Protein backbone atom coordinates (compact mmCIF):
# COMPACT_ATOMS: atom_id res chain seq x y z
CA MET A 1 5.20 1.84 -17.93
CA SER A 2 2.21 2.87 -19.74
CA SER A 3 3.08 5.66 -22.34
CA ASP A 4 0.42 8.13 -20.81
CA MET A 5 1.87 7.90 -17.08
CA THR A 6 4.69 9.98 -15.81
CA ALA A 7 6.35 9.22 -12.40
CA VAL A 8 6.54 12.05 -10.11
CA ASN A 9 9.91 12.64 -8.31
CA VAL A 10 11.34 9.37 -9.70
CA THR A 11 15.00 10.54 -9.68
CA GLU A 12 14.87 11.86 -6.04
CA ASP A 13 12.81 9.00 -4.55
CA LEU A 14 15.52 6.63 -6.29
CA GLN A 15 18.41 8.41 -4.95
CA LYS A 16 16.91 8.38 -1.39
CA LEU A 17 16.49 4.44 -1.70
CA LEU A 18 20.36 4.28 -3.12
CA ALA A 19 21.38 5.89 0.19
CA PHE A 20 19.97 3.12 2.16
CA LEU A 21 21.86 0.44 0.31
CA PRO A 22 25.33 -0.83 0.93
CA ARG A 23 27.81 0.51 -1.49
CA GLY A 24 28.43 -2.98 -3.08
CA VAL A 25 24.66 -3.28 -3.85
CA GLN A 26 24.47 0.06 -5.10
CA ALA A 27 27.01 -0.56 -7.88
CA ILE A 28 25.59 -3.34 -9.04
CA LEU A 29 21.89 -1.78 -9.18
CA LYS A 30 22.61 1.51 -10.56
CA ASP A 31 21.83 0.95 -14.18
CA ASP A 32 18.86 -1.09 -13.41
CA LEU A 33 17.14 0.85 -10.42
CA PRO A 34 14.56 2.63 -12.83
CA ARG A 35 13.05 -0.84 -13.49
CA VAL A 36 13.41 -2.24 -9.88
CA GLU A 37 10.48 -3.32 -7.87
CA GLU A 38 11.66 -5.14 -5.03
CA ILE A 39 15.23 -5.87 -3.58
CA LYS A 40 15.78 -8.87 -1.28
CA LEU A 41 19.01 -8.90 0.98
CA ARG A 42 19.55 -11.91 3.08
CA ALA A 43 22.86 -12.91 5.10
CA GLN A 44 25.37 -14.96 3.10
CA ARG A 45 23.30 -15.14 0.04
CA PRO A 46 23.06 -13.14 -3.31
CA VAL A 47 21.17 -10.13 -3.73
CA TRP A 48 17.89 -11.02 -5.48
CA VAL A 49 16.10 -8.19 -7.29
CA LEU A 50 12.48 -8.00 -8.97
CA VAL A 51 12.78 -6.44 -12.34
CA ASP A 52 10.29 -6.21 -14.94
CA GLY A 53 8.25 -8.70 -13.29
CA GLN A 54 10.79 -11.38 -12.62
CA TYR A 55 13.24 -12.05 -9.88
CA ARG A 56 16.94 -12.14 -10.92
CA LYS A 57 20.05 -13.11 -9.16
CA TYR A 58 22.76 -10.42 -9.00
CA PRO A 59 26.56 -11.30 -8.32
CA HIS A 60 26.80 -9.74 -4.93
CA THR A 61 26.81 -11.95 -1.54
CA VAL A 62 25.38 -10.03 1.19
CA SER A 63 28.04 -9.84 4.03
CA LEU A 64 27.80 -9.41 7.66
CA GLU A 65 29.31 -5.96 7.09
CA ASP A 66 26.33 -5.30 4.59
CA LEU A 67 23.83 -6.23 7.46
CA ALA A 68 25.70 -3.98 9.86
CA PHE A 69 25.30 -1.15 7.61
CA LEU A 70 21.65 -1.84 6.93
CA GLY A 71 20.97 -1.97 10.67
CA ALA A 72 22.77 1.39 11.31
CA LYS A 73 21.03 3.08 8.34
CA CYS A 74 17.47 1.88 9.04
CA GLY A 75 17.45 2.36 12.68
CA THR A 76 14.07 1.81 14.18
CA PHE A 77 11.23 -0.21 12.73
CA ARG A 78 7.57 -0.29 13.81
CA ASP A 79 6.22 -3.39 15.41
CA ASP A 80 5.31 -5.17 12.13
CA ASN A 81 9.06 -4.91 11.44
CA ARG A 82 8.23 -2.29 8.53
CA ARG A 83 9.45 1.43 8.26
CA GLY A 84 9.54 3.87 5.32
CA ILE A 85 11.98 6.35 3.90
CA ASP A 86 11.39 10.03 4.41
CA GLY A 87 9.43 11.56 1.68
CA THR A 88 9.02 8.63 -0.56
CA GLY A 89 6.74 5.61 -1.08
CA HIS A 90 9.47 3.07 -0.60
CA ARG A 91 8.93 0.45 2.17
CA ILE A 92 11.67 -1.59 4.10
CA THR A 93 10.87 -4.80 5.77
CA ARG A 94 13.06 -6.56 8.37
CA VAL A 95 13.56 -10.43 8.65
CA MET A 96 14.57 -11.38 12.04
CA MET A 97 16.35 -14.62 13.34
CA ALA A 98 14.55 -16.47 16.13
CA ASP A 99 17.51 -16.48 18.32
CA GLY A 100 15.93 -16.51 21.62
CA THR A 101 16.28 -12.79 22.24
CA ALA A 102 13.35 -10.61 22.83
CA GLU A 103 13.75 -9.02 19.25
CA GLY A 104 15.96 -11.21 17.56
CA SER A 105 18.88 -10.55 15.10
CA PRO A 106 18.25 -9.16 11.65
CA ILE A 107 19.08 -11.81 8.90
CA GLY A 108 17.71 -9.85 6.05
CA TYR A 109 15.96 -6.89 4.44
CA THR A 110 13.54 -6.39 1.64
CA PHE A 111 13.05 -3.25 -0.11
CA ARG A 112 9.83 -2.49 -1.96
CA VAL A 113 10.22 0.48 -4.37
CA GLY A 114 7.25 3.00 -4.26
CA ARG A 115 6.19 5.08 -7.30
CA TYR A 116 3.77 7.77 -7.65
CA PHE A 117 2.36 8.15 -11.28
CA GLU A 118 0.86 11.28 -12.49
CA GLY A 119 -2.81 10.45 -13.93
CA MET A 120 -2.61 6.78 -13.31
CA ALA A 121 -6.06 6.58 -11.77
CA GLU A 122 -7.60 8.72 -14.33
CA PRO A 123 -9.77 5.86 -15.59
CA LEU A 124 -11.38 5.47 -12.07
CA ARG A 125 -12.33 9.11 -11.82
CA PRO A 126 -16.04 8.56 -12.86
CA PHE A 127 -16.40 5.91 -10.10
CA ILE A 128 -14.95 8.30 -7.62
CA VAL A 129 -17.09 11.12 -8.67
CA GLU A 130 -20.18 8.91 -8.36
CA ASN A 131 -18.94 7.72 -4.89
CA PRO A 132 -15.45 7.78 -3.43
CA SER A 133 -16.04 4.74 -1.16
CA LEU A 134 -14.28 1.72 -2.50
CA LEU A 135 -12.41 -1.54 -1.11
CA ILE A 136 -9.56 -2.37 -3.41
CA ILE A 137 -8.94 -6.22 -3.14
CA GLY A 138 -5.95 -8.09 -4.71
CA GLU A 139 -3.05 -10.45 -3.99
CA ALA A 140 0.44 -9.17 -2.76
CA GLY A 141 2.59 -7.19 -5.57
CA VAL A 142 -0.34 -6.48 -7.91
CA GLY A 143 -0.30 -2.51 -7.23
CA LYS A 144 -3.07 -2.26 -4.52
CA THR A 145 -1.15 0.73 -2.78
CA THR A 146 -0.17 2.18 -5.94
CA ILE A 147 -3.78 2.39 -7.06
CA LEU A 148 -4.94 3.74 -3.69
CA ARG A 149 -2.31 6.47 -4.07
CA GLY A 150 -3.99 7.52 -7.18
CA THR A 151 -7.43 7.28 -6.11
CA ALA A 152 -6.62 9.23 -2.93
CA LYS A 153 -5.19 12.25 -4.88
CA ILE A 154 -8.44 12.25 -7.10
CA ALA A 155 -10.82 11.93 -4.03
CA ALA A 156 -8.62 15.09 -2.40
CA GLU A 157 -9.56 17.12 -5.47
CA TYR A 158 -13.19 17.22 -4.40
CA GLN A 159 -12.69 16.87 -0.46
CA PRO A 160 -9.29 18.63 0.16
CA MET A 161 -7.91 18.03 3.67
CA GLN A 162 -11.09 16.10 4.43
CA THR A 163 -9.35 12.97 2.47
CA VAL A 164 -7.57 11.69 5.18
CA ILE A 165 -4.94 8.81 5.19
CA VAL A 166 -4.34 6.86 8.24
CA ASP A 167 -0.79 5.62 6.91
CA THR A 168 0.89 2.86 8.88
CA SER A 169 4.09 2.15 6.80
CA GLY A 170 4.45 5.46 5.01
CA ASP A 171 3.74 3.61 1.83
CA VAL A 172 0.85 5.77 0.73
CA ALA A 173 1.54 9.29 1.70
CA GLY A 174 5.52 8.90 2.17
CA ASP A 175 7.26 8.43 5.36
CA GLY A 176 8.28 11.29 7.30
CA LYS A 177 7.17 14.89 8.46
CA VAL A 178 6.19 16.16 4.74
CA PRO A 179 4.08 14.01 2.62
CA HIS A 180 4.98 12.85 -1.01
CA PRO A 181 4.07 15.69 -3.31
CA GLY A 182 2.61 12.89 -5.54
CA ILE A 183 -0.41 12.44 -2.92
CA GLY A 184 -1.94 16.02 -3.77
CA ASP A 185 -4.25 17.65 -1.11
CA VAL A 186 -4.75 14.43 1.23
CA ASP A 187 -4.45 15.15 4.84
CA VAL A 188 -2.10 12.45 6.69
CA MET A 189 -2.02 10.77 10.12
CA PRO A 190 1.11 8.67 10.35
CA VAL A 191 0.90 5.55 12.42
CA ARG A 192 3.73 4.78 14.80
CA SER A 193 3.01 1.10 14.91
CA LYS A 194 0.58 -1.30 13.33
CA ALA A 195 -1.05 -2.22 16.77
CA MET A 196 -2.17 1.61 16.91
CA GLN A 197 -3.75 1.61 13.65
CA ALA A 198 -7.24 0.99 14.82
CA ALA A 199 -6.94 3.56 17.53
CA LEU A 200 -5.58 6.20 14.80
CA ILE A 201 -8.68 5.40 12.62
CA GLU A 202 -10.95 6.07 15.63
CA GLU A 203 -8.93 9.49 16.34
CA ALA A 204 -9.22 10.42 12.68
CA VAL A 205 -13.14 9.91 12.55
CA LYS A 206 -13.52 11.72 15.83
CA ASN A 207 -11.07 14.65 15.56
CA GLN A 208 -10.19 15.19 11.80
CA ASN A 209 -13.52 16.12 10.10
CA VAL A 210 -13.18 13.15 7.85
CA ARG A 211 -15.19 12.79 4.58
CA VAL A 212 -13.07 10.10 2.96
CA LEU A 213 -11.13 7.93 5.25
CA ILE A 214 -8.22 6.06 3.58
CA VAL A 215 -6.53 2.93 5.09
CA ASP A 216 -3.92 0.77 3.58
CA GLU A 217 -4.01 -2.97 4.15
CA ILE A 218 -6.97 -3.44 6.34
CA ASN A 219 -6.65 -7.04 7.98
CA ARG A 220 -7.61 -6.87 11.66
CA LEU A 221 -11.00 -7.02 13.28
CA SER A 222 -10.48 -3.91 15.40
CA GLU A 223 -9.65 -1.93 12.19
CA ALA A 224 -12.69 -3.17 10.45
CA GLU A 225 -15.00 -2.33 13.59
CA PHE A 226 -13.60 1.38 13.64
CA ILE A 227 -13.90 1.64 9.94
CA ALA A 228 -17.41 0.58 9.90
CA ASN A 229 -17.98 2.86 12.88
CA GLY A 230 -16.74 5.86 10.84
CA GLN A 231 -18.99 5.15 7.85
CA ARG A 232 -21.92 5.42 10.39
CA ASN A 233 -20.46 8.84 11.17
CA GLY A 234 -20.46 10.11 7.82
CA ALA A 235 -16.86 9.26 6.56
CA ARG A 236 -16.66 7.01 3.51
CA LEU A 237 -14.03 4.26 3.01
CA MET A 238 -11.39 4.00 0.50
CA GLY A 239 -8.93 1.04 1.36
CA THR A 240 -7.09 -1.85 0.49
CA THR A 241 -7.10 -5.44 1.63
CA HIS A 242 -5.45 -8.89 0.62
CA GLY A 243 -7.41 -11.35 -1.33
CA ARG A 244 -8.10 -12.91 -4.65
CA ASP A 245 -11.91 -13.04 -4.95
CA VAL A 246 -14.77 -11.11 -3.40
CA LYS A 247 -16.37 -14.15 -2.07
CA ARG A 248 -13.26 -15.22 0.26
CA VAL A 249 -12.75 -11.73 1.22
CA SER A 250 -16.34 -11.24 2.36
CA GLU A 251 -16.19 -14.53 4.53
CA ASN A 252 -12.89 -13.46 6.29
CA GLN A 253 -14.26 -13.01 9.98
CA ASN A 254 -11.64 -10.16 10.59
CA LEU A 255 -13.30 -8.09 7.68
CA ALA A 256 -16.96 -9.08 8.62
CA PRO A 257 -17.82 -5.52 10.11
CA LEU A 258 -17.00 -4.26 6.27
CA PHE A 259 -19.66 -6.29 4.67
CA HIS A 260 -22.32 -7.36 7.09
CA PRO A 261 -25.03 -6.76 7.74
CA GLU A 262 -24.40 -4.48 4.63
CA PRO A 263 -21.29 -3.34 2.81
CA VAL A 264 -20.02 -0.09 4.23
CA PHE A 265 -18.27 0.74 1.16
CA TYR A 266 -19.84 1.53 -2.44
CA TRP A 267 -17.48 0.00 -4.98
CA ILE A 268 -15.50 -3.22 -4.94
CA ALA A 269 -12.21 -2.95 -7.22
CA LEU A 270 -10.98 -6.52 -7.74
CA ILE A 271 -7.61 -6.48 -9.25
CA ARG A 272 -7.52 -9.09 -11.98
CA GLU A 273 -3.78 -8.53 -12.78
CA ARG A 274 -1.37 -5.46 -12.69
CA GLY A 275 -3.25 -2.49 -14.17
CA VAL A 276 -6.54 -4.13 -14.75
CA LEU A 277 -9.49 -3.81 -12.28
CA GLU A 278 -12.96 -5.24 -12.26
CA MET A 279 -15.35 -2.70 -10.76
CA MET A 280 -18.60 -3.58 -9.12
CA ARG A 281 -21.11 -2.25 -6.76
CA ALA A 282 -20.83 -3.59 -3.59
CA THR A 283 -24.23 -4.14 -2.42
CA GLU A 284 -25.11 -5.87 -5.85
CA ALA A 285 -22.00 -8.03 -5.53
CA MET A 286 -22.93 -9.34 -2.15
CA GLN A 287 -26.69 -9.96 -3.07
CA ILE A 288 -25.32 -11.96 -6.20
CA ILE A 289 -22.87 -14.05 -3.90
CA ALA A 290 -25.79 -14.59 -1.50
CA GLU A 291 -27.64 -16.26 -4.39
CA GLY A 292 -24.63 -18.64 -5.08
CA ARG A 293 -23.50 -16.85 -8.08
CA GLN A 294 -20.14 -15.13 -9.30
CA PRO A 295 -20.46 -11.26 -9.40
CA GLU A 296 -19.00 -9.60 -12.52
CA GLY A 297 -18.22 -6.03 -13.05
CA THR A 298 -16.92 -3.49 -15.37
CA ILE A 299 -13.18 -4.03 -16.58
CA VAL A 300 -10.97 -0.83 -16.23
CA ARG A 301 -7.50 -0.96 -17.46
CA LEU A 302 -4.94 1.68 -16.04
CA GLY A 303 -1.65 0.40 -17.73
CA LYS A 304 0.91 -2.12 -17.08
CA GLY A 305 3.31 0.29 -15.39
CA ILE A 306 1.69 0.55 -11.90
């Protein structure tokens, strides 16, 4: 973690995570937990843990009893097989066996550790002050959601309670009734299922006097359409989507309403590597792409700790 960033509620959040793990897994991870990024538990296989950016195999085989404990402790999941942990940014995803039943049986669980860093997004403040509308583009595991938390908190300093997160998995604001304190004065609309996200985006725009609309993981056409409509109603978009370069993302048909006939966001924040972003004005970038060239922006370094 960068020396100028301090994690918020890290001890409390990690204790809540530990409570969801079988005792055998708790025992082998306890010393390394502050550095853990992801945990993979699969039936009858060793525990695999992403620590300091690399997956390591730990000496514990996931038993059927472990799976039974996880099933009882985790309870219900959303329709995308995700759930959060109350008051944290942690995410649990469930892996189901295709056994012919309507739902299938769980054969594994993946825990993604979410952390809130005080001041992490400060290098982006000048961009947010100029215009808080931005789309964060990056591949899996590079810190899109962590960056979104930081930018959301800054935006809410200028538009308190009119900066509204439509939070599907509880990754951004924390799962549960009370948002994580690291999110600041952001208003939160939890989404019960991924299938409902587009409808909640529309509801937020219509009912919550939104000035900055925040959506993590935009990937469906219906979501992009409602976001574009919200922008026409005066709300500015701050969101994330999966991708490795601007051209490919702009050519994704599910995201077309965000880019055409013109971008609905002001900035593109392309994650080059963890903690390193390339900031570019969206309209200029799209014009350069239309001319067959590669857009280039301003490099901003947030630190390796995100």
